[in-house]
Structures are given as structure tokens and as C-alpha cells.
PDB file of N, CA and C in Angstrom:
ATOM      1  N   UNK A   1     -89.839 155.193 172.764  1.00  0.00           N
ATOM      2  CA  UNK A   1     -91.104 155.039 172.963  1.00  0.00           C
ATOM      3  C   UNK A   1     -91.322 156.580 173.038  1.00  0.00           C
ATOM      4  N   UNK A   2     -90.990 157.826 172.945  1.00  0.00           N
ATOM      5  CA  UNK A   2     -92.116 159.060 172.580  1.00  0.00           C
ATOM      6  C   UNK A   2     -92.098 158.776 171.031  1.00  0.00           C
ATOM      7  N   UNK A   3     -91.058 158.491 170.117  1.00  0.00           N
ATOM      8  CA  UNK A   3     -91.420 158.459 168.618  1.00  0.00           C
ATOM      9  C   UNK A   3     -92.702 157.465 168.558  1.00  0.00           C
ATOM     10  N   UNK A   4     -92.906 156.733 168.739  1.00  0.00           N
ATOM     11  CA  UNK A   4     -94.143 155.916 168.592  1.00  0.00           C
ATOM     12  C   UNK A   4     -95.545 156.663 168.918  1.00  0.00           C
ATOM     13  N   UNK A   5     -95.584 157.223 170.195  1.00  0.00           N
ATOM     14  CA  UNK A   5     -96.604 158.273 170.348  1.00  0.00           C
ATOM     15  C   UNK A   5     -96.766 159.305 169.673  1.00  0.00           C
ATOM     16  N   UNK A   6     -96.080 159.896 168.984  1.00  0.00           N
ATOM     17  CA  UNK A   6     -95.925 161.092 167.757  1.00  0.00           C
ATOM     18  C   UNK A   6     -96.405 160.176 166.830  1.00  0.00           C
ATOM     19  N   UNK A   7     -95.938 159.225 166.115  1.00  0.00           N
ATOM     20  CA  UNK A   7     -96.214 158.850 165.095  1.00  0.00           C
ATOM     21  C   UNK A   7     -97.698 158.111 164.933  1.00  0.00           C
ATOM     22  N   UNK A   8     -98.138 157.705 166.039  1.00  0.00           N
ATOM     23  CA  UNK A   8     -99.591 157.257 166.738  1.00  0.00           C
ATOM     24  C   UNK A   8    -100.371 158.577 166.476  1.00  0.00           C
ATOM     25  N   UNK A   9    -100.077 159.716 166.541  1.00  0.00           N
ATOM     26  CA  UNK A   9    -100.675 160.697 166.956  1.00  0.00           C
ATOM     27  C   UNK A   9    -101.144 161.486 165.422  1.00  0.00           C
ATOM     28  N   UNK A  10    -100.541 161.236 164.360  1.00  0.00           N
ATOM     29  CA  UNK A  10    -100.931 161.902 163.087  1.00  0.00           C
ATOM     30  C   UNK A  10    -102.023 160.582 162.464  1.00  0.00           C
ATOM     31  N   UNK A  11    -101.646 159.528 162.850  1.00  0.00           N
ATOM     32  CA  UNK A  11    -101.956 158.526 162.313  1.00  0.00           C
ATOM     33  C   UNK A  11    -103.352 158.336 162.234  1.00  0.00           C
ATOM     34  N   UNK A  12    -104.171 158.769 163.279  1.00  0.00           N
ATOM     35  CA  UNK A  12    -105.610 158.778 162.970  1.00  0.00           C
ATOM     36  C   UNK A  12    -106.214 159.983 161.930  1.00  0.00           C
ATOM     37  N   UNK A  13    -105.630 160.969 162.193  1.00  0.00           N
ATOM     38  CA  UNK A  13    -106.448 161.997 160.992  1.00  0.00           C
ATOM     39  C   UNK A  13    -106.176 161.504 159.553  1.00  0.00           C
ATOM     40  N   UNK A  14    -104.710 160.525 159.464  1.00  0.00           N
ATOM     41  CA  UNK A  14    -104.390 160.472 157.851  1.00  0.00           C
ATOM     42  C   UNK A  14    -105.615 159.343 157.673  1.00  0.00           C
ATOM     43  N   UNK A  15    -105.605 158.375 158.375  1.00  0.00           N
ATOM     44  CA  UNK A  15    -106.809 157.506 158.199  1.00  0.00           C
ATOM     45  C   UNK A  15    -107.852 157.862 157.709  1.00  0.00           C
ATOM     46  N   UNK A  16    -108.480 158.511 158.553  1.00  0.00           N
ATOM     47  CA  UNK A  16    -109.735 159.285 158.884  1.00  0.00           C
ATOM     48  C   UNK A  16    -110.197 159.998 157.582  1.00  0.00           C
ATOM     49  N   UNK A  17    -109.240 161.155 157.064  1.00  0.00           N
ATOM     50  CA  UNK A  17    -109.012 161.625 155.989  1.00  0.00           C
ATOM     51  C   UNK A  17    -109.148 160.484 154.782  1.00  0.00           C
ATOM     52  N   UNK A  18    -108.458 159.596 154.604  1.00  0.00           N
ATOM     53  CA  UNK A  18    -108.326 158.840 153.260  1.00  0.00           C
ATOM     54  C   UNK A  18    -109.997 157.919 153.397  1.00  0.00           C
ATOM     55  N   UNK A  19    -110.024 157.382 154.571  1.00  0.00           N
ATOM     56  CA  UNK A  19    -111.591 156.804 154.686  1.00  0.00           C
ATOM     57  C   UNK A  19    -112.462 157.552 154.065  1.00  0.00           C
ATOM     58  N   UNK A  20    -112.833 158.888 154.467  1.00  0.00           N
ATOM     59  CA  UNK A  20    -114.173 158.962 154.306  1.00  0.00           C
ATOM     60  C   UNK A  20    -114.202 159.970 152.553  1.00  0.00           C
ATOM     61  N   UNK A  21    -113.095 159.915 152.185  1.00  0.00           N
ATOM     62  CA  UNK A  21    -113.005 160.419 150.975  1.00  0.00           C
ATOM     63  C   UNK A  21    -113.698 160.108 149.730  1.00  0.00           C
ATOM     64  N   UNK A  22    -114.399 160.657 148.771  1.00  0.00           N
ATOM     65  CA  UNK A  22    -115.492 159.919 148.104  1.00  0.00           C
ATOM     66  C   UNK A  22    -116.270 159.101 148.074  1.00  0.00           C
ATOM     67  N   UNK A  23    -117.372 159.411 149.375  1.00  0.00           N
ATOM     68  CA  UNK A  23    -118.037 158.932 149.980  1.00  0.00           C
ATOM     69  C   UNK A  23    -119.472 159.550 149.329  1.00  0.00           C
ATOM     70  N   UNK A  24    -118.997 160.678 149.219  1.00  0.00           N
ATOM     71  CA  UNK A  24    -120.840 161.631 148.892  1.00  0.00           C
ATOM     72  C   UNK A  24    -121.586 162.115 150.069  1.00  0.00           C
ATOM     73  N   UNK A  25    -122.766 161.715 149.496  1.00  0.00           N
ATOM     74  CA  UNK A  25    -123.677 161.695 150.498  1.00  0.00           C
ATOM     75  C   UNK A  25    -123.350 160.992 151.749  1.00  0.00           C
ATOM     76  N   UNK A  26    -122.675 159.787 151.796  1.00  0.00           N
ATOM     77  CA  UNK A  26    -122.772 158.903 152.741  1.00  0.00           C
ATOM     78  C   UNK A  26    -121.487 159.512 153.945  1.00  0.00           C
ATOM     79  N   UNK A  27    -121.022 160.774 153.639  1.00  0.00           N
ATOM     80  CA  UNK A  27    -120.010 161.027 154.447  1.00  0.00           C
ATOM     81  C   UNK A  27    -120.100 161.364 155.747  1.00  0.00           C
ATOM     82  N   UNK A  28    -121.393 161.800 156.398  1.00  0.00           N
ATOM     83  CA  UNK A  28    -121.320 161.510 157.454  1.00  0.00           C
ATOM     84  C   UNK A  28    -121.780 160.072 158.120  1.00  0.00           C
ATOM     85  N   UNK A  29    -122.427 159.662 157.956  1.00  0.00           N
ATOM     86  CA  UNK A  29    -122.609 158.101 157.998  1.00  0.00           C
ATOM     87  C   UNK A  29    -121.293 157.411 158.347  1.00  0.00           C
ATOM     88  N   UNK A  30    -120.320 157.620 157.469  1.00  0.00           N
ATOM     89  CA  UNK A  30    -118.975 156.708 157.574  1.00  0.00           C
ATOM     90  C   UNK A  30    -118.025 157.561 158.272  1.00  0.00           C
ATOM     91  N   UNK A  31    -118.491 158.507 158.229  1.00  0.00           N
ATOM     92  CA  UNK A  31    -117.398 159.289 159.677  1.00  0.00           C
ATOM     93  C   UNK A  31    -117.496 158.752 160.702  1.00  0.00           C
ATOM     94  N   UNK A  32    -119.272 158.599 161.422  1.00  0.00           N
ATOM     95  CA  UNK A  32    -119.692 158.264 162.237  1.00  0.00           C
ATOM     96  C   UNK A  32    -119.225 156.789 162.684  1.00  0.00           C
ATOM     97  N   UNK A  33    -119.012 155.820 161.853  1.00  0.00           N
ATOM     98  CA  UNK A  33    -118.617 154.751 161.620  1.00  0.00           C
ATOM     99  C   UNK A  33    -117.299 154.449 161.887  1.00  0.00           C
ATOM    100  N   UNK A  34    -116.372 155.308 161.265  1.00  0.00           N
ATOM    101  CA  UNK A  34    -115.221 155.287 161.560  1.00  0.00           C
ATOM    102  C   UNK A  34    -114.963 155.816 163.013  1.00  0.00           C
ATOM    103  N   UNK A  35    -115.420 157.021 163.783  1.00  0.00           N
ATOM    104  CA  UNK A  35    -115.195 157.226 164.970  1.00  0.00           C
ATOM    105  C   UNK A  35    -115.314 155.983 165.945  1.00  0.00           C
ATOM    106  N   UNK A  36    -116.711 155.417 165.411  1.00  0.00           N
ATOM    107  CA  UNK A  36    -117.343 154.041 166.603  1.00  0.00           C
ATOM    108  C   UNK A  36    -115.953 153.023 166.447  1.00  0.00           C
ATOM    109  N   UNK A  37    -115.206 152.966 165.302  1.00  0.00           N
ATOM    110  CA  UNK A  37    -114.641 151.675 165.112  1.00  0.00           C
ATOM    111  C   UNK A  37    -113.219 152.255 166.161  1.00  0.00           C
ATOM    112  N   UNK A  38    -113.128 153.465 166.588  1.00  0.00           N
ATOM    113  CA  UNK A  38    -111.796 153.519 167.578  1.00  0.00           C
ATOM    114  C   UNK A  38    -112.156 152.415 168.878  1.00  0.00           C
ATOM    115  N   UNK A  39    -113.138 151.987 169.262  1.00  0.00           N
ATOM    116  CA  UNK A  39    -113.407 150.961 170.347  1.00  0.00           C
ATOM    117  C   UNK A  39    -112.086 149.906 170.111  1.00  0.00           C
ATOM    118  N   UNK A  40    -111.690 149.280 168.817  1.00  0.00           N
ATOM    119  CA  UNK A  40    -111.300 148.290 168.431  1.00  0.00           C
ATOM    120  C   UNK A  40    -109.841 148.661 168.979  1.00  0.00           C
ATOM    121  N   UNK A  41    -109.323 150.087 169.028  1.00  0.00           N
ATOM    122  CA  UNK A  41    -107.979 150.307 169.356  1.00  0.00           C
ATOM    123  C   UNK A  41    -108.080 149.996 170.791  1.00  0.00           C
ATOM    124  N   UNK A  42    -108.896 150.407 171.733  1.00  0.00           N
ATOM    125  CA  UNK A  42    -109.230 150.220 172.980  1.00  0.00           C
ATOM    126  C   UNK A  42    -108.899 148.898 173.286  1.00  0.00           C
ATOM    127  N   UNK A  43    -109.330 147.463 172.185  1.00  0.00           N
ATOM    128  CA  UNK A  43    -109.252 146.107 172.282  1.00  0.00           C
ATOM    129  C   UNK A  43    -108.101 145.767 172.382  1.00  0.00           C
ATOM    130  N   UNK A  44    -107.042 146.408 171.493  1.00  0.00           N
ATOM    131  CA  UNK A  44    -105.684 145.820 171.344  1.00  0.00           C
ATOM    132  C   UNK A  44    -104.662 145.721 172.540  1.00  0.00           C
ATOM    133  N   UNK A  45    -104.664 147.022 173.484  1.00  0.00           N
ATOM    134  CA  UNK A  45    -104.150 146.456 174.462  1.00  0.00           C
ATOM    135  C   UNK A  45    -104.531 145.364 175.711  1.00  0.00           C
ATOM    136  N   UNK A  46    -106.188 145.408 175.771  1.00  0.00           N
ATOM    137  CA  UNK A  46    -106.094 144.183 176.020  1.00  0.00           C
ATOM    138  C   UNK A  46    -106.105 142.910 175.832  1.00  0.00           C
ATOM    139  N   UNK A  47    -106.006 142.773 174.508  1.00  0.00           N
ATOM    140  CA  UNK A  47    -105.341 141.506 173.525  1.00  0.00           C
ATOM    141  C   UNK A  47    -103.644 141.471 173.816  1.00  0.00           C
ATOM    142  N   UNK A  48    -102.952 142.418 173.814  1.00  0.00           N
ATOM    143  CA  UNK A  48    -101.712 142.229 173.662  1.00  0.00           C
ATOM    144  C   UNK A  48    -101.074 141.864 175.110  1.00  0.00           C
ATOM    145  N   UNK A  49    -102.055 142.201 176.540  1.00  0.00           N
ATOM    146  CA  UNK A  49    -101.535 141.879 177.965  1.00  0.00           C
ATOM    147  C   UNK A  49    -102.364 140.734 177.985  1.00  0.00           C
ATOM    148  N   UNK A  50    -103.159 139.739 177.193  1.00  0.00           N
ATOM    149  CA  UNK A  50    -103.586 138.329 177.390  1.00  0.00           C
ATOM    150  C   UNK A  50    -102.394 137.603 176.774  1.00  0.00           C
ATOM    151  N   UNK A  51    -102.132 138.221 175.720  1.00  0.00           N
ATOM    152  CA  UNK A  51    -100.852 137.426 175.031  1.00  0.00           C
ATOM    153  C   UNK A  51     -99.611 137.329 176.045  1.00  0.00           C
ATOM    154  N   UNK A  52     -99.425 138.309 176.252  1.00  0.00           N
ATOM    155  CA  UNK A  52     -98.219 138.650 177.311  1.00  0.00           C
ATOM    156  C   UNK A  52     -98.307 137.843 178.654  1.00  0.00           C
ATOM    157  N   UNK A  53     -99.577 137.837 179.101  1.00  0.00           N
ATOM    158  CA  UNK A  53     -99.592 136.795 180.131  1.00  0.00           C
ATOM    159  C   UNK A  53     -99.639 135.780 179.831  1.00  0.00           C
ATOM    160  N   UNK A  54     -99.973 135.132 178.822  1.00  0.00           N
ATOM    161  CA  UNK A  54     -99.776 133.629 178.060  1.00  0.00           C
ATOM    162  C   UNK A  54     -98.260 133.205 177.737  1.00  0.00           C
ATOM    163  N   UNK A  55     -97.739 134.206 177.154  1.00  0.00           N
ATOM    164  CA  UNK A  55     -96.326 133.957 176.573  1.00  0.00           C
ATOM    165  C   UNK A  55     -95.110 134.849 176.863  1.00  0.00           C
ATOM    166  N   UNK A  56     -94.707 136.058 176.739  1.00  0.00           N
ATOM    167  CA  UNK A  56     -93.809 137.019 177.495  1.00  0.00           C
ATOM    168  C   UNK A  56     -94.115 138.386 176.558  1.00  0.00           C
ATOM    169  N   UNK A  57     -93.770 139.098 177.338  1.00  0.00           N
ATOM    170  CA  UNK A  57     -93.727 140.839 176.960  1.00  0.00           C
ATOM    171  C   UNK A  57     -93.315 140.917 175.549  1.00  0.00           C
ATOM    172  N   UNK A  58     -92.537 140.381 175.399  1.00  0.00           N
ATOM    173  CA  UNK A  58     -91.665 140.697 173.958  1.00  0.00           C
ATOM    174  C   UNK A  58     -92.422 140.124 173.139  1.00  0.00           C
ATOM    175  N   UNK A  59     -93.050 138.850 173.077  1.00  0.00           N
ATOM    176  CA  UNK A  59     -94.001 138.491 172.031  1.00  0.00           C
ATOM    177  C   UNK A  59     -95.217 139.334 172.067  1.00  0.00           C
ATOM    178  N   UNK A  60     -96.277 139.980 173.009  1.00  0.00           N
ATOM    179  CA  UNK A  60     -96.808 140.449 173.027  1.00  0.00           C
ATOM    180  C   UNK A  60     -96.727 141.900 171.896  1.00  0.00           C
ATOM    181  N   UNK A  61     -95.995 142.059 171.428  1.00  0.00           N
ATOM    182  CA  UNK A  61     -95.695 143.032 170.549  1.00  0.00           C
ATOM    183  C   UNK A  61     -95.722 142.530 169.250  1.00  0.00           C
ATOM    184  N   UNK A  62     -95.838 141.284 168.945  1.00  0.00           N
ATOM    185  CA  UNK A  62     -96.392 141.332 167.424  1.00  0.00           C
ATOM    186  C   UNK A  62     -98.006 141.661 167.489  1.00  0.00           C
ATOM    187  N   UNK A  63     -98.849 141.856 168.468  1.00  0.00           N
ATOM    188  CA  UNK A  63    -100.169 142.170 168.641  1.00  0.00           C
ATOM    189  C   UNK A  63    -100.287 143.674 167.688  1.00  0.00           C
ATOM    190  N   UNK A  64     -99.487 144.370 168.546  1.00  0.00           N
ATOM    191  CA  UNK A  64     -99.777 146.042 167.364  1.00  0.00           C
ATOM    192  C   UNK A  64     -98.502 145.909 166.110  1.00  0.00           C
ATOM    193  N   UNK A  65     -98.179 144.921 165.961  1.00  0.00           N
ATOM    194  CA  UNK A  65     -97.101 144.915 164.825  1.00  0.00           C
ATOM    195  C   UNK A  65     -98.358 144.513 163.692  1.00  0.00           C
ATOM    196  N   UNK A  66     -99.070 143.418 164.186  1.00  0.00           N
ATOM    197  CA  UNK A  66    -100.086 143.210 162.953  1.00  0.00           C
ATOM    198  C   UNK A  66    -100.895 144.420 162.720  1.00  0.00           C
ATOM    199  N   UNK A  67    -101.441 144.794 163.736  1.00  0.00           N
ATOM    200  CA  UNK A  67    -102.279 146.330 163.194  1.00  0.00           C
ATOM    201  C   UNK A  67    -101.543 147.256 162.629  1.00  0.00           C
ATOM    202  N   UNK A  68     -99.815 147.233 162.924  1.00  0.00           N
ATOM    203  CA  UNK A  68     -99.371 148.395 161.467  1.00  0.00           C
ATOM    204  C   UNK A  68     -99.798 147.607 160.353  1.00  0.00           C
ATOM    205  N   UNK A  69     -99.219 146.628 160.436  1.00  0.00           N
ATOM    206  CA  UNK A  69     -98.917 145.687 159.077  1.00  0.00           C
ATOM    207  C   UNK A  69    -100.578 146.234 158.260  1.00  0.00           C
ATOM    208  N   UNK A  70    -101.750 145.659 158.996  1.00  0.00           N
ATOM    209  CA  UNK A  70    -102.464 146.113 158.726  1.00  0.00           C
ATOM    210  C   UNK A  70    -103.184 147.661 158.120  1.00  0.00           C
ATOM    211  N   UNK A  71    -102.999 148.815 158.850  1.00  0.00           N
ATOM    212  CA  UNK A  71    -103.000 150.109 158.750  1.00  0.00           C
ATOM    213  C   UNK A  71    -102.019 150.206 157.263  1.00  0.00           C
ATOM    214  N   UNK A  72    -100.981 149.473 157.246  1.00  0.00           N
ATOM    215  CA  UNK A  72     -99.885 149.909 156.143  1.00  0.00           C
ATOM    216  C   UNK A  72    -100.897 149.330 154.761  1.00  0.00           C
ATOM    217  N   UNK A  73    -101.332 148.073 154.966  1.00  0.00           N
ATOM    218  CA  UNK A  73    -102.115 147.683 153.742  1.00  0.00           C
ATOM    219  C   UNK A  73    -103.371 148.372 153.124  1.00  0.00           C
ATOM    220  N   UNK A  74    -103.712 149.014 154.432  1.00  0.00           N
ATOM    221  CA  UNK A  74    -105.298 150.013 154.008  1.00  0.00           C
ATOM    222  C   UNK A  74    -104.554 151.174 153.129  1.00  0.00           C
ATOM    223  N   UNK A  75    -103.705 151.745 153.873  1.00  0.00           N
ATOM    224  CA  UNK A  75    -102.840 153.045 153.045  1.00  0.00           C
ATOM    225  C   UNK A  75    -102.619 152.837 151.471  1.00  0.00           C
ATOM    226  N   UNK A  76    -101.923 151.790 151.536  1.00  0.00           N
ATOM    227  CA  UNK A  76    -101.413 150.866 150.236  1.00  0.00           C
ATOM    228  C   UNK A  76    -102.355 151.174 149.033  1.00  0.00           C
ATOM    229  N   UNK A  77    -103.440 150.284 149.602  1.00  0.00           N
ATOM    230  CA  UNK A  77    -104.916 150.058 148.654  1.00  0.00           C
ATOM    231  C   UNK A  77    -105.572 151.102 148.522  1.00  0.00           C
ATOM    232  N   UNK A  78    -105.817 151.689 149.789  1.00  0.00           N
ATOM    233  CA  UNK A  78    -106.625 153.271 149.497  1.00  0.00           C
ATOM    234  C   UNK A  78    -106.010 154.222 148.019  1.00  0.00           C
ATOM    235  N   UNK A  79    -104.994 154.338 148.396  1.00  0.00           N
ATOM    236  CA  UNK A  79    -104.217 154.915 147.273  1.00  0.00           C
ATOM    237  C   UNK A  79    -104.345 154.482 146.163  1.00  0.00           C
ATOM    238  N   UNK A  80    -103.788 153.124 146.013  1.00  0.00           N
ATOM    239  CA  UNK A  80    -104.427 152.624 144.925  1.00  0.00           C
ATOM    240  C   UNK A  80    -105.388 152.596 144.052  1.00  0.00           C
ATOM    241  N   UNK A  81    -106.544 152.514 144.844  1.00  0.00           N
ATOM    242  CA  UNK A  81    -107.924 152.376 144.029  1.00  0.00           C
ATOM    243  C   UNK A  81    -108.643 153.693 144.245  1.00  0.00           C
ATOM    244  N   UNK A  82    -108.222 154.748 144.524  1.00  0.00           N
ATOM    245  CA  UNK A  82    -108.548 155.946 144.649  1.00  0.00           C
ATOM    246  C   UNK A  82    -108.484 157.207 143.251  1.00  0.00           C
TER     247      UNK A  82
END
């Protein structure tokens, strides 16, 4: 569990750098929107808790797995098109 926290701590700066690269004069607007998107991370634990209540704690871990799959997809695609 400690390793999960460690790798999550370095994920946001990496995603942030990838997301604002190449925005030009829209960099400030893009970075502001990206910072507002952090609220989505506050919703995932609530969704995971609801799934745990409806099914089981073990199955609820598919919620963050889906988020990590999307993050990996974003990383691969942002590198491909930059």
C-alpha cells in the first residue's frame, strides 16, 4: 500500500506536464482547467465506496483500476501525438 501512495505522488506532476505541453498562449487556461479536474479524484473514493457497499470491497478495486487504465491510455496517446 505504501508503494501505491508513492507512485500516485509522482503521477500528477507527470500528467500535468504532458497535458499543458504545446498549449502556447492557452497554457494558463489549460493548467487552470487541469487543476479543477482534480475534483474528479475526490469522486473516485465515493464511487468505490458505493461499489463496495453494493458488492464487495475486493470488487470495488476495479474502480481505481479503470482510472489507472485510462491514465495509461492517456500517457500512451499523448506521447504518440506529440
